[in-house]
Amino acid sequence: MPMLSKILSSIFIIAMACHGLSAPMSAYLMLPSSARDEALGGAFPCHIANPAFTYEDKYLFVETGYRNRFGDANDNFLLGSMRWGKFSAFAQLSLFGISDIEGRSIASQEPEYLFSANRVNFAFGGTYLLKNLWLGISMRHVHERIEFATMDANTFSGGIYASIKNFSVGISATDYGSDDRFIEYFYPPPTTYRAQAAYVWEMVAFGASFIKPDMYDGYGVAALEISPISWMVLRSSYAIKHPSRSFSFGTGFLVKNFSLDYALASYGELGINHFVSIGYSIPKMLDNTKTE
């Protein structure tokens, strides 16, 4: 059974890395980008999903995180965000790596060789406050090396985000580059659309989102975030009609300007994702950072 599990895992990873990249690549780029986002299933806006999202009460925010996927794939990211008056900007660097992938032509035979896959994403974007609407755009460059093949591609996102009292809503679209084929004989990833809404009532926040790649079935996510005490947050979410994702759980701890978040997400037969993020924020301190 362990050998069979390893074979199936290797086949899956190779399939993700090398075959049908139109779906897996877009699925990878749509993965939650922090432990909080993972626990909430992407139901609440974040920079990568919607570049118009900005922290309303933070002048400077820095976050780093580590994700372990399926037991042998690792992601790391570093995010920096700054807000100044009606403007905001962010940049995020993400690294993905997996080694000792077993290459075989027949699933039941011994591996013929081992190889690795690595991916680097760099995203940056900016937002502008127009009355009650945040407008945002971003670009992400993807560089990937799988075995002996390499590829480069650019993705572009645009979004709108609004927050009125306890209610917030956002819509966004990401074009994965119709002219950028990750491997020239495969189709490029699809354009993906998102709609997100959240409502905060005292110590409880409710969120929901709908995500639709233009060539694949859409899916929804419902999420709940509770803060029973000032320094701790509990989170959970459930994905509806997602091909692999289901429940996610997580918690967060706040100590002065520091935050520590953890998430556990179930991807069905694919396994469990573990995600840890550490953040540091500086609240607005200057009069000219206030919006009109």
Foldseek 3Di string as FASTA:
>chain_A
DVLLVLLVLLVVVCCLVPHQVQPSVVVVLPAQDAQVCNQQVVQDDDCSQAVLDDDQWFAKKKKKKWKDFLNFKIKIKIKIKGFFAFKIKMKMKMKIKGWQRFDDPDSPDHGPDIGMKIKIKIKMKMWGDDPFKIKMKMKMWMWMDTGHDIFIFMKIKIKIKGDDDFKIKMKMKMARHQPGDRDVVHGHHFIKIKIKMWGDDVFKMKIKMWMDGPVDDIKMKIKIWGDPDDFKIWIKMAIGPDPFWGIKIKMKGDDPQKIKIWMWTGRHPSGIMIMIMIMGTHTDDDPRSHYD
